[in-house]
Amino acid sequence: MRTLVPVLLLAASTSLAHAGKPSVTVANVQVSGKVDAKVVTAALKKANPKLLACFKQDLAAGPTEADIEVTFSVEANGTVATATVPTPNPSLSTCVAGVLTKLMFAKPKDGMPAGVSMRMRFYSGTVKTGAFASITGDAEVYGGLGGNWSEAQLGGGGTGLGTIGIGTGRPPETGTGTGYGPLGSSGIARPTGSTAMLGTPKITGDLDPAIVRRYLKQHINRFRFCYDQELQASPRLAGTLTLDFTINADGKVAAAAGKGVHADVEACVTSAVKTITFPKPTTPTDVTVSYPITFRPGAR
């Protein structure tokens, strides 16, 4: 081992770039509601060229990679309403959301909105790795201890003569890493597995609590993203945020406030819920909602 360390230090000064074609892949499509998941998958496959065009346009401004969870809702008339695309670049998010909201499906069989979630990976076609391993684990330049580089969420892992890979997963998702090569070993990503769990609400008004929960669940990853942003600075941050909001007769969120966990998380979650449009209440009166959301950092 004494003779190995100088070799690692010396070899870390070189890097290799593995080129490929930019791609957008979709996996783990899940549907909550009466819409056929196979139909959704087929529609996404058909829309892939447009999604790829969004990504290539964004690549012109610089390298971008992301592995994210995308969500959208299929309304009772088969149209796509809100689409949540938490990529690192707002322009890419806007373009992809625009493609998704133009999709059209058969009306849900139960006449109720359905939620769709999936993993979407944007791969630039170029991954930088070290010739051997970097002692410092510089994830932007070297592979090795730093692992495969990604501007967004991909954690690192050892390649070549590594010992322990350390990734630096960034919000809204987490990083993972694995080692390769003769002496490669497992990667360690931090933090991992943060969660946002909806609790038991207090709802007053003529709107089914199950519908309110379904709509909030469709946007749960937006709330978790708010939490993950602060989790980077405060790894032990955890707790329950009480989200109070009012749904008016048109289904719009007229007012919202959050309390708990962290002031910035409160502000972010409050802004997110204000963008949600719920079904109109049975009677044209306001519906008041108080919903607890518990955030946990997960394993480290």
C-alpha atoms as a PDB file:
ATOM      1  CA  MET A   1       0.000   0.000   0.000  1.00  0.00           C
ATOM      2  CA  ARG A   2       2.932   2.346   0.647  1.00  0.00           C
ATOM      3  CA  THR A   3       4.033   2.098  -2.969  1.00  0.00           C
ATOM      4  CA  LEU A   4       0.478   2.525  -4.252  1.00  0.00           C
ATOM      5  CA  VAL A   5      -0.192   6.028  -2.902  1.00  0.00           C
ATOM      6  CA  PRO A   6       2.503   7.857  -4.956  1.00  0.00           C
ATOM      7  CA  VAL A   7       1.179   6.144  -8.085  1.00  0.00           C
ATOM      8  CA  LEU A   8      -2.330   7.410  -7.321  1.00  0.00           C
ATOM      9  CA  LEU A   9      -1.128  10.945  -6.839  1.00  0.00           C
ATOM     10  CA  LEU A  10       0.877  10.948 -10.044  1.00  0.00           C
ATOM     11  CA  ALA A  11      -1.811   9.353 -12.169  1.00  0.00           C
ATOM     12  CA  ALA A  12      -4.490  11.723 -10.942  1.00  0.00           C
ATOM     13  CA  SER A  13      -3.078  14.491 -13.112  1.00  0.00           C
ATOM     14  CA  THR A  14      -4.501  12.900 -16.279  1.00  0.00           C
ATOM     15  CA  SER A  15      -8.099  12.398 -17.352  1.00  0.00           C
ATOM     16  CA  LEU A  16      -9.945  10.676 -20.130  1.00  0.00           C
ATOM     17  CA  ALA A  17     -13.204  11.639 -21.840  1.00  0.00           C
ATOM     18  CA  HIS A  18     -15.503   8.897 -23.085  1.00  0.00           C
ATOM     19  CA  ALA A  19     -17.667  10.295 -25.887  1.00  0.00           C
ATOM     20  CA  GLY A  20     -21.116   9.139 -26.893  1.00  0.00           C
ATOM     21  CA  LYS A  21     -24.392  10.532 -28.164  1.00  0.00           C
ATOM     22  CA  PRO A  22     -26.649  12.721 -26.006  1.00  0.00           C
ATOM     23  CA  SER A  23     -29.714  10.819 -24.872  1.00  0.00           C
ATOM     24  CA  VAL A  24     -32.869  11.116 -22.806  1.00  0.00           C
ATOM     25  CA  THR A  25     -34.124   7.913 -21.221  1.00  0.00           C
ATOM     26  CA  VAL A  26     -37.325   7.268 -19.287  1.00  0.00           C
ATOM     27  CA  ALA A  27     -37.765   4.449 -16.773  1.00  0.00           C
ATOM     28  CA  ASN A  28     -39.939   3.316 -13.851  1.00  0.00           C
ATOM     29  CA  VAL A  29     -43.167   4.867 -15.144  1.00  0.00           C
ATOM     30  CA  GLN A  30     -45.780   4.694 -12.384  1.00  0.00           C
ATOM     31  CA  VAL A  31     -49.401   5.790 -12.577  1.00  0.00           C
ATOM     32  CA  SER A  32     -51.765   6.496  -9.697  1.00  0.00           C
ATOM     33  CA  GLY A  33     -55.257   6.489 -11.184  1.00  0.00           C
ATOM     34  CA  LYS A  34     -57.216   4.942 -14.005  1.00  0.00           C
ATOM     35  CA  VAL A  35     -54.793   5.562 -16.878  1.00  0.00           C
ATOM     36  CA  ASP A  36     -52.937   2.683 -18.541  1.00  0.00           C
ATOM     37  CA  ALA A  37     -49.213   2.853 -17.712  1.00  0.00           C
ATOM     38  CA  LYS A  38     -48.388   1.161 -21.054  1.00  0.00           C
ATOM     39  CA  VAL A  39     -50.194   3.927 -22.931  1.00  0.00           C
ATOM     40  CA  VAL A  40     -48.251   6.551 -20.970  1.00  0.00           C
ATOM     41  CA  THR A  41     -44.955   4.781 -21.709  1.00  0.00           C
ATOM     42  CA  ALA A  42     -45.773   4.600 -25.427  1.00  0.00           C
ATOM     43  CA  ALA A  43     -46.634   8.317 -25.512  1.00  0.00           C
ATOM     44  CA  LEU A  44     -43.366   9.214 -23.796  1.00  0.00           C
ATOM     45  CA  LYS A  45     -41.425   7.067 -26.255  1.00  0.00           C
ATOM     46  CA  LYS A  46     -43.109   8.867 -29.148  1.00  0.00           C
ATOM     47  CA  ALA A  47     -42.246  12.233 -27.553  1.00  0.00           C
ATOM     48  CA  ASN A  48     -38.583  11.284 -27.022  1.00  0.00           C
ATOM     49  CA  PRO A  49     -37.274  13.145 -30.119  1.00  0.00           C
ATOM     50  CA  LYS A  50     -38.811  16.364 -28.801  1.00  0.00           C
ATOM     51  CA  LEU A  51     -37.392  15.748 -25.319  1.00  0.00           C
ATOM     52  CA  LEU A  52     -33.983  15.116 -26.877  1.00  0.00           C
ATOM     53  CA  ALA A  53     -34.276  18.339 -28.892  1.00  0.00           C
ATOM     54  CA  CYS A  54     -34.851  20.243 -25.635  1.00  0.00           C
ATOM     55  CA  PHE A  55     -31.741  18.656 -24.142  1.00  0.00           C
ATOM     56  CA  LYS A  56     -29.532  19.284 -27.174  1.00  0.00           C
ATOM     57  CA  GLN A  57     -30.597  22.907 -27.222  1.00  0.00           C
ATOM     58  CA  ASP A  58     -29.615  23.195 -23.576  1.00  0.00           C
ATOM     59  CA  LEU A  59     -26.265  21.474 -24.203  1.00  0.00           C
ATOM     60  CA  ALA A  60     -25.259  24.356 -26.463  1.00  0.00           C
ATOM     61  CA  ALA A  61     -24.848  26.485 -23.329  1.00  0.00           C
ATOM     62  CA  GLY A  62     -22.618  23.943 -21.604  1.00  0.00           C
ATOM     63  CA  PRO A  63     -22.494  20.354 -20.295  1.00  0.00           C
ATOM     64  CA  THR A  64     -25.585  19.238 -18.410  1.00  0.00           C
ATOM     65  CA  GLU A  65     -26.554  15.899 -16.954  1.00  0.00           C
ATOM     66  CA  ALA A  66     -29.386  14.956 -14.657  1.00  0.00           C
ATOM     67  CA  ASP A  67     -31.127  11.919 -13.255  1.00  0.00           C
ATOM     68  CA  ILE A  68     -34.438  13.144 -11.867  1.00  0.00           C
ATOM     69  CA  GLU A  69     -37.978  12.171 -10.973  1.00  0.00           C
ATOM     70  CA  VAL A  70     -40.506  13.831 -13.264  1.00  0.00           C
ATOM     71  CA  THR A  71     -44.193  14.060 -12.391  1.00  0.00           C
ATOM     72  CA  PHE A  72     -47.307  15.272 -14.163  1.00  0.00           C
ATOM     73  CA  SER A  73     -51.059  14.868 -13.838  1.00  0.00           C
ATOM     74  CA  VAL A  74     -53.544  13.659 -16.432  1.00  0.00           C
ATOM     75  CA  GLU A  75     -56.771  15.589 -15.978  1.00  0.00           C
ATOM     76  CA  ALA A  76     -60.284  14.158 -16.241  1.00  0.00           C
ATOM     77  CA  ASN A  77     -60.455  15.258 -19.900  1.00  0.00           C
ATOM     78  CA  GLY A  78     -57.185  13.484 -20.793  1.00  0.00           C
ATOM     79  CA  THR A  79     -55.009  16.597 -21.023  1.00  0.00           C
ATOM     80  CA  VAL A  80     -51.786  16.998 -19.054  1.00  0.00           C
ATOM     81  CA  ALA A  81     -51.862  19.757 -16.473  1.00  0.00           C
ATOM     82  CA  THR A  82     -48.889  20.633 -14.320  1.00  0.00           C
ATOM     83  CA  ALA A  83     -45.568  18.921 -15.069  1.00  0.00           C
ATOM     84  CA  THR A  84     -42.727  19.025 -12.547  1.00  0.00           C
ATOM     85  CA  VAL A  85     -39.275  18.741 -14.151  1.00  0.00           C
ATOM     86  CA  PRO A  86     -36.613  19.618 -11.545  1.00  0.00           C
ATOM     87  CA  THR A  87     -33.502  19.771 -13.766  1.00  0.00           C
ATOM     88  CA  PRO A  88     -30.546  22.023 -12.811  1.00  0.00           C
ATOM     89  CA  ASN A  89     -31.339  24.376 -15.722  1.00  0.00           C
ATOM     90  CA  PRO A  90     -34.640  26.314 -15.806  1.00  0.00           C
ATOM     91  CA  SER A  91     -34.593  26.518 -19.609  1.00  0.00           C
ATOM     92  CA  LEU A  92     -34.403  22.724 -19.917  1.00  0.00           C
ATOM     93  CA  SER A  93     -37.136  22.261 -17.314  1.00  0.00           C
ATOM     94  CA  THR A  94     -39.414  24.692 -19.150  1.00  0.00           C
ATOM     95  CA  CYS A  95     -38.846  23.040 -22.528  1.00  0.00           C
ATOM     96  CA  VAL A  96     -39.425  19.488 -21.241  1.00  0.00           C
ATOM     97  CA  ALA A  97     -42.507  20.567 -19.286  1.00  0.00           C
ATOM     98  CA  GLY A  98     -43.815  22.153 -22.480  1.00  0.00           C
ATOM     99  CA  VAL A  99     -43.452  18.853 -24.343  1.00  0.00           C
ATOM    100  CA  LEU A 100     -45.198  16.907 -21.581  1.00  0.00           C
ATOM    101  CA  THR A 101     -48.128  19.305 -21.244  1.00  0.00           C
ATOM    102  CA  LYS A 102     -48.888  18.870 -24.964  1.00  0.00           C
ATOM    103  CA  LEU A 103     -49.460  15.131 -24.549  1.00  0.00           C
ATOM    104  CA  MET A 104     -53.044  13.907 -24.819  1.00  0.00           C
ATOM    105  CA  PHE A 105     -54.429  10.716 -23.313  1.00  0.00           C
ATOM    106  CA  ALA A 106     -57.753   8.920 -23.200  1.00  0.00           C
ATOM    107  CA  LYS A 107     -59.929  10.164 -20.376  1.00  0.00           C
ATOM    108  CA  PRO A 108     -59.268   8.335 -17.070  1.00  0.00           C
ATOM    109  CA  LYS A 109     -61.853   5.586 -16.674  1.00  0.00           C
ATOM    110  CA  ASP A 110     -63.053   6.829 -13.282  1.00  0.00           C
ATOM    111  CA  GLY A 111     -63.346  10.429 -14.424  1.00  0.00           C
ATOM    112  CA  MET A 112     -60.727  11.493 -11.868  1.00  0.00           C
ATOM    113  CA  PRO A 113     -57.268  13.024 -12.455  1.00  0.00           C
ATOM    114  CA  ALA A 114     -54.380  10.554 -12.482  1.00  0.00           C
ATOM    115  CA  GLY A 115     -50.820  11.137 -11.364  1.00  0.00           C
ATOM    116  CA  VAL A 116     -47.772   9.991 -13.348  1.00  0.00           C
ATOM    117  CA  SER A 117     -44.184   9.744 -12.104  1.00  0.00           C
ATOM    118  CA  MET A 118     -41.035   8.452 -13.788  1.00  0.00           C
ATOM    119  CA  ARG A 119     -37.259   8.558 -13.773  1.00  0.00           C
ATOM    120  CA  MET A 120     -35.823  10.682 -16.570  1.00  0.00           C
ATOM    121  CA  ARG A 121     -32.105  10.737 -17.285  1.00  0.00           C
ATOM    122  CA  PHE A 122     -30.354  13.303 -19.429  1.00  0.00           C
ATOM    123  CA  TYR A 123     -26.945  12.049 -20.571  1.00  0.00           C
ATOM    124  CA  SER A 124     -24.641  14.424 -22.449  1.00  0.00           C
ATOM    125  CA  GLY A 125     -22.574  11.698 -24.095  1.00  0.00           C
ATOM    126  CA  THR A 126     -19.317  12.705 -22.417  1.00  0.00           C
ATOM    127  CA  VAL A 127     -18.252  11.381 -19.039  1.00  0.00           C
ATOM    128  CA  LYS A 128     -14.928  12.410 -17.556  1.00  0.00           C
ATOM    129  CA  THR A 129     -12.975   9.873 -15.556  1.00  0.00           C
ATOM    130  CA  GLY A 130      -9.460   9.712 -14.147  1.00  0.00           C
ATOM    131  CA  ALA A 131      -6.771   7.539 -15.670  1.00  0.00           C
ATOM    132  CA  PHE A 132      -6.387   6.024 -12.233  1.00  0.00           C
ATOM    133  CA  ALA A 133      -7.744   7.379  -8.996  1.00  0.00           C
ATOM    134  CA  SER A 134      -7.665  10.803  -7.420  1.00  0.00           C
ATOM    135  CA  ILE A 135      -6.764  11.004  -3.752  1.00  0.00           C
ATOM    136  CA  THR A 136      -8.844  14.179  -3.434  1.00  0.00           C
ATOM    137  CA  GLY A 137     -11.821  12.683  -5.232  1.00  0.00           C
ATOM    138  CA  ASP A 138     -12.303  15.761  -7.433  1.00  0.00           C
ATOM    139  CA  ALA A 139     -15.626  14.791  -9.013  1.00  0.00           C
ATOM    140  CA  GLU A 140     -15.480  17.534 -11.651  1.00  0.00           C
ATOM    141  CA  VAL A 141     -12.117  16.561 -13.111  1.00  0.00           C
ATOM    142  CA  TYR A 142     -11.119  13.083 -12.059  1.00  0.00           C
ATOM    143  CA  GLY A 143     -12.762   9.733 -11.911  1.00  0.00           C
ATOM    144  CA  GLY A 144     -11.100   7.403  -9.484  1.00  0.00           C
ATOM    145  CA  LEU A 145     -12.066   8.375  -6.005  1.00  0.00           C
ATOM    146  CA  GLY A 146     -14.249  11.138  -7.382  1.00  0.00           C
ATOM    147  CA  GLY A 147     -16.003   8.847  -9.822  1.00  0.00           C
ATOM    148  CA  ASN A 148     -18.000   9.626 -12.923  1.00  0.00           C
ATOM    149  CA  TRP A 149     -18.803  13.327 -13.076  1.00  0.00           C
ATOM    150  CA  SER A 150     -22.250  14.794 -13.354  1.00  0.00           C
ATOM    151  CA  GLU A 151     -23.198  18.428 -12.943  1.00  0.00           C
ATOM    152  CA  ALA A 152     -26.478  17.446 -11.370  1.00  0.00           C
ATOM    153  CA  GLN A 153     -27.238  14.463  -9.202  1.00  0.00           C
ATOM    154  CA  LEU A 154     -24.955  11.571 -10.053  1.00  0.00           C
ATOM    155  CA  GLY A 155     -22.678  10.625  -7.207  1.00  0.00           C
ATOM    156  CA  GLY A 156     -19.161   9.332  -7.695  1.00  0.00           C
ATOM    157  CA  GLY A 157     -17.435   5.997  -7.505  1.00  0.00           C
ATOM    158  CA  GLY A 158     -13.893   4.651  -7.687  1.00  0.00           C
ATOM    159  CA  THR A 159     -12.494   3.742 -11.107  1.00  0.00           C
ATOM    160  CA  GLY A 160      -9.121   2.202 -11.829  1.00  0.00           C
ATOM    161  CA  LEU A 161      -6.862   1.990  -8.780  1.00  0.00           C
ATOM    162  CA  GLY A 162      -9.364   3.500  -6.356  1.00  0.00           C
ATOM    163  CA  THR A 163      -9.979   2.623  -2.760  1.00  0.00           C
ATOM    164  CA  ILE A 164     -13.194   4.400  -1.756  1.00  0.00           C
ATOM    165  CA  GLY A 165     -15.283   6.508  -4.114  1.00  0.00           C
ATOM    166  CA  ILE A 166     -17.071   9.491  -2.609  1.00  0.00           C
ATOM    167  CA  GLY A 167     -19.904  11.072  -4.597  1.00  0.00           C
ATOM    168  CA  THR A 168     -21.531  14.384  -3.910  1.00  0.00           C
ATOM    169  CA  GLY A 169     -25.147  13.964  -4.916  1.00  0.00           C
ATOM    170  CA  ARG A 170     -26.957  17.277  -5.216  1.00  0.00           C
ATOM    171  CA  PRO A 171     -30.670  18.066  -4.819  1.00  0.00           C
ATOM    172  CA  PRO A 172     -33.286  17.355  -5.876  1.00  0.00           C
ATOM    173  CA  GLU A 173     -32.017  13.806  -6.044  1.00  0.00           C
ATOM    174  CA  THR A 174     -29.279  11.829  -4.374  1.00  0.00           C
ATOM    175  CA  GLY A 175     -25.983  10.488  -5.634  1.00  0.00           C
ATOM    176  CA  THR A 176     -24.701   6.944  -5.780  1.00  0.00           C
ATOM    177  CA  GLY A 177     -21.357   5.491  -6.775  1.00  0.00           C
ATOM    178  CA  THR A 178     -19.589   2.207  -7.387  1.00  0.00           C
ATOM    179  CA  GLY A 179     -15.950   1.318  -7.888  1.00  0.00           C
ATOM    180  CA  TYR A 180     -14.409  -0.404 -10.884  1.00  0.00           C
ATOM    181  CA  GLY A 181     -10.918  -1.398 -12.008  1.00  0.00           C
ATOM    182  CA  PRO A 182      -8.340  -3.676 -10.454  1.00  0.00           C
ATOM    183  CA  LEU A 183      -8.504  -2.105  -7.031  1.00  0.00           C
ATOM    184  CA  GLY A 184     -11.768  -0.238  -7.373  1.00  0.00           C
ATOM    185  CA  SER A 185     -14.192  -0.304  -4.495  1.00  0.00           C
ATOM    186  CA  SER A 186     -17.641   0.850  -3.587  1.00  0.00           C
ATOM    187  CA  GLY A 187     -18.665   4.486  -3.884  1.00  0.00           C
ATOM    188  CA  ILE A 188     -20.286   6.421  -1.067  1.00  0.00           C
ATOM    189  CA  ALA A 189     -22.915   9.028  -1.872  1.00  0.00           C
ATOM    190  CA  ARG A 190     -24.133  11.642   0.589  1.00  0.00           C
ATOM    191  CA  PRO A 191     -26.808  12.396   1.572  1.00  0.00           C
ATOM    192  CA  THR A 192     -29.156   9.633   0.345  1.00  0.00           C
ATOM    193  CA  GLY A 193     -32.790   8.687   0.649  1.00  0.00           C
ATOM    194  CA  SER A 194     -34.362  11.866   1.974  1.00  0.00           C
ATOM    195  CA  THR A 195     -38.122  11.506   2.384  1.00  0.00           C
ATOM    196  CA  ALA A 196     -41.196  13.704   2.505  1.00  0.00           C
ATOM    197  CA  MET A 197     -44.258  12.029   4.028  1.00  0.00           C
ATOM    198  CA  LEU A 198     -47.792  13.391   4.088  1.00  0.00           C
ATOM    199  CA  GLY A 199     -49.489  13.132   7.473  1.00  0.00           C
ATOM    200  CA  THR A 200     -53.119  13.308   8.566  1.00  0.00           C
ATOM    201  CA  PRO A 201     -54.764  16.543   7.426  1.00  0.00           C
ATOM    202  CA  LYS A 202     -57.496  18.773   8.758  1.00  0.00           C
ATOM    203  CA  ILE A 203     -59.801  19.820   5.931  1.00  0.00           C
ATOM    204  CA  THR A 204     -62.882  22.002   6.143  1.00  0.00           C
ATOM    205  CA  GLY A 205     -65.089  22.393   3.074  1.00  0.00           C
ATOM    206  CA  ASP A 206     -66.653  20.433   0.229  1.00  0.00           C
ATOM    207  CA  LEU A 207     -63.619  18.747  -1.333  1.00  0.00           C
ATOM    208  CA  ASP A 208     -62.849  15.066  -0.829  1.00  0.00           C
ATOM    209  CA  PRO A 209     -59.726  14.698   1.386  1.00  0.00           C
ATOM    210  CA  ALA A 210     -58.595  11.831  -0.873  1.00  0.00           C
ATOM    211  CA  ILE A 211     -58.493  14.222  -3.834  1.00  0.00           C
ATOM    212  CA  VAL A 212     -56.476  16.793  -1.878  1.00  0.00           C
ATOM    213  CA  ARG A 213     -54.021  14.090  -0.849  1.00  0.00           C
ATOM    214  CA  ARG A 214     -53.706  12.788  -4.411  1.00  0.00           C
ATOM    215  CA  TYR A 215     -52.850  16.215  -5.762  1.00  0.00           C
ATOM    216  CA  LEU A 216     -50.309  16.915  -3.024  1.00  0.00           C
ATOM    217  CA  LYS A 217     -48.748  13.496  -3.549  1.00  0.00           C
ATOM    218  CA  GLN A 218     -48.296  14.279  -7.238  1.00  0.00           C
ATOM    219  CA  HIS A 219     -46.160  17.254  -6.169  1.00  0.00           C
ATOM    220  CA  ILE A 220     -44.376  15.620  -3.224  1.00  0.00           C
ATOM    221  CA  ASN A 221     -41.029  15.675  -5.011  1.00  0.00           C
ATOM    222  CA  ARG A 222     -41.245  19.450  -5.369  1.00  0.00           C
ATOM    223  CA  PHE A 223     -41.673  19.686  -1.592  1.00  0.00           C
ATOM    224  CA  ARG A 224     -38.777  17.278  -1.058  1.00  0.00           C
ATOM    225  CA  PHE A 225     -36.616  19.375  -3.380  1.00  0.00           C
ATOM    226  CA  CYS A 226     -37.262  22.371  -1.093  1.00  0.00           C
ATOM    227  CA  TYR A 227     -36.057  20.291   1.835  1.00  0.00           C
ATOM    228  CA  ASP A 228     -33.050  18.839   0.011  1.00  0.00           C
ATOM    229  CA  GLN A 229     -31.764  22.323  -0.770  1.00  0.00           C
ATOM    230  CA  GLU A 230     -31.382  23.048   2.945  1.00  0.00           C
ATOM    231  CA  LEU A 231     -30.264  19.525   3.747  1.00  0.00           C
ATOM    232  CA  GLN A 232     -26.990  20.160   1.937  1.00  0.00           C
ATOM    233  CA  ALA A 233     -26.075  22.877   4.427  1.00  0.00           C
ATOM    234  CA  SER A 234     -27.648  21.169   7.459  1.00  0.00           C
ATOM    235  CA  PRO A 235     -27.318  17.366   7.039  1.00  0.00           C
ATOM    236  CA  ARG A 236     -29.257  16.632  10.234  1.00  0.00           C
ATOM    237  CA  LEU A 237     -32.188  18.868   9.370  1.00  0.00           C
ATOM    238  CA  ALA A 238     -35.482  17.064   9.937  1.00  0.00           C
ATOM    239  CA  GLY A 239     -38.974  17.680  11.241  1.00  0.00           C
ATOM    240  CA  THR A 240     -42.580  18.325  10.351  1.00  0.00           C
ATOM    241  CA  LEU A 241     -43.797  21.311   8.375  1.00  0.00           C
ATOM    242  CA  THR A 242     -47.462  22.219   8.740  1.00  0.00           C
ATOM    243  CA  LEU A 243     -48.772  23.515   5.428  1.00  0.00           C
ATOM    244  CA  ASP A 244     -51.907  25.640   5.738  1.00  0.00           C
ATOM    245  CA  PHE A 245     -53.672  26.779   2.577  1.00  0.00           C
ATOM    246  CA  THR A 246     -57.041  27.798   1.199  1.00  0.00           C
ATOM    247  CA  ILE A 247     -58.590  26.451  -2.008  1.00  0.00           C
ATOM    248  CA  ASN A 248     -61.108  28.836  -3.543  1.00  0.00           C
ATOM    249  CA  ALA A 249     -64.250  28.041  -5.559  1.00  0.00           C
ATOM    250  CA  ASP A 250     -62.193  27.784  -8.768  1.00  0.00           C
ATOM    251  CA  GLY A 251     -59.798  25.221  -7.296  1.00  0.00           C
ATOM    252  CA  LYS A 252     -56.957  27.736  -7.048  1.00  0.00           C
ATOM    253  CA  VAL A 253     -54.823  28.101  -3.925  1.00  0.00           C
ATOM    254  CA  ALA A 254     -55.784  31.564  -2.724  1.00  0.00           C
ATOM    255  CA  ALA A 255     -53.475  31.702   0.299  1.00  0.00           C
ATOM    256  CA  ALA A 256     -50.816  29.504   1.839  1.00  0.00           C
ATOM    257  CA  ALA A 257     -48.400  29.475   4.758  1.00  0.00           C
ATOM    258  CA  GLY A 258     -45.974  26.951   6.182  1.00  0.00           C
ATOM    259  CA  LYS A 259     -44.488  26.523   9.621  1.00  0.00           C
ATOM    260  CA  GLY A 260     -41.748  24.173  10.741  1.00  0.00           C
ATOM    261  CA  VAL A 261     -38.370  22.617   9.782  1.00  0.00           C
ATOM    262  CA  HIS A 262     -36.684  25.755   8.330  1.00  0.00           C
ATOM    263  CA  ALA A 263     -37.760  29.215   7.150  1.00  0.00           C
ATOM    264  CA  ASP A 264     -36.430  28.661   3.619  1.00  0.00           C
ATOM    265  CA  VAL A 265     -38.172  25.279   3.372  1.00  0.00           C
ATOM    266  CA  GLU A 266     -41.401  26.961   4.520  1.00  0.00           C
ATOM    267  CA  ALA A 267     -41.111  29.637   1.825  1.00  0.00           C
ATOM    268  CA  CYS A 268     -40.248  27.137  -0.927  1.00  0.00           C
ATOM    269  CA  VAL A 269     -43.037  24.681  -0.078  1.00  0.00           C
ATOM    270  CA  THR A 270     -45.539  27.523   0.215  1.00  0.00           C
ATOM    271  CA  SER A 271     -44.586  28.792  -3.245  1.00  0.00           C
ATOM    272  CA  ALA A 272     -44.896  25.271  -4.664  1.00  0.00           C
ATOM    273  CA  VAL A 273     -48.396  24.611  -3.322  1.00  0.00           C
ATOM    274  CA  LYS A 274     -49.619  27.933  -4.738  1.00  0.00           C
ATOM    275  CA  THR A 275     -48.986  26.610  -8.255  1.00  0.00           C
ATOM    276  CA  ILE A 276     -51.338  23.631  -7.796  1.00  0.00           C
ATOM    277  CA  THR A 277     -54.860  23.794  -9.207  1.00  0.00           C
ATOM    278  CA  PHE A 278     -57.287  21.453  -7.464  1.00  0.00           C
ATOM    279  CA  PRO A 279     -60.709  20.343  -8.718  1.00  0.00           C
ATOM    280  CA  LYS A 280     -63.474  22.816  -7.914  1.00  0.00           C
ATOM    281  CA  PRO A 281     -65.191  22.187  -4.556  1.00  0.00           C
ATOM    282  CA  THR A 282     -68.650  20.599  -4.707  1.00  0.00           C
ATOM    283  CA  THR A 283     -70.179  23.862  -3.488  1.00  0.00           C
ATOM    284  CA  PRO A 284     -68.711  27.246  -4.522  1.00  0.00           C
ATOM    285  CA  THR A 285     -67.098  27.924  -1.157  1.00  0.00           C
ATOM    286  CA  ASP A 286     -63.524  28.009   0.108  1.00  0.00           C
ATOM    287  CA  VAL A 287     -61.849  24.878   1.436  1.00  0.00           C
ATOM    288  CA  THR A 288     -59.279  25.256   4.216  1.00  0.00           C
ATOM    289  CA  VAL A 289     -56.515  22.683   4.527  1.00  0.00           C
ATOM    290  CA  SER A 290     -53.891  22.051   7.188  1.00  0.00           C
ATOM    291  CA  TYR A 291     -51.485  19.339   6.057  1.00  0.00           C
ATOM    292  CA  PRO A 292     -48.428  18.090   7.992  1.00  0.00           C
ATOM    293  CA  ILE A 293     -45.420  17.026   5.894  1.00  0.00           C
ATOM    294  CA  THR A 294     -42.596  15.223   7.669  1.00  0.00           C
ATOM    295  CA  PHE A 295     -39.092  15.456   6.205  1.00  0.00           C
ATOM    296  CA  ARG A 296     -36.281  13.021   7.054  1.00  0.00           C
ATOM    297  CA  PRO A 297     -32.684  12.988   5.717  1.00  0.00           C
ATOM    298  CA  GLY A 298     -32.461   9.220   5.316  1.00  0.00           C
ATOM    299  CA  ALA A 299     -29.278   7.131   5.449  1.00  0.00           C
ATOM    300  CA  ARG A 300     -25.833   8.711   5.156  1.00  0.00           C
END
